[in-house]
Amino acid sequence: MTCLQKAKLAHRDARHLRAIDFIEYARWRRTEEDAGPATVLNDIVWLRQACLGAVTRYGMNKLVQGLDAAKQELLRLKIISKPRRRIRRLKAEEEAALREYFARQETRPSIPMLQIFEFALLTTLHDLGESKEFSRCEAHGYSMIIT
């Protein structure tokens, strides 16, 4: 939010913003703020959400059209891009801390977060083509066979 406040966009009347204004914002973020292409794309996504609110409330359709045109141009110029695919595995101590935290939450009758967490771990490992001992899940009242 502070980056947006420092940007020239923050001081402009939204009714008069055009595609070039969003392009200049993205260039500013990349050069002056040293933001990566995926980060600036994320900015554009959030700006679009705000612009959609302006369409709904005030009928400012040209605002979204300008932002969408800017996004296409920014993608073409490679100023913004989708993030590179990353694979990050939990460290053993992170997994243990999350299990402990979710186990403490299980005392209340709410969403079974520990089971959801374990299911997410299992399906992610499967997607990555890794194997792991899964018998511990059967102790929590559900079973899952992943090969």
Foldseek 3Di string as FASTA:
>chain_A
DVLVCPAPVVVDDLLPDALVSLLVSLVCCCPVVVDAQQVSVVVLVVVLVVVVVCCVPPVSVRSNVRSVVNVVVCVVVVSHDHDDDDDDDDDPVRVVVVLVVLVVVVVDPDPSVNLVVLVVVVVVCLVVVHDDDQPVSVVVPDGDDGD
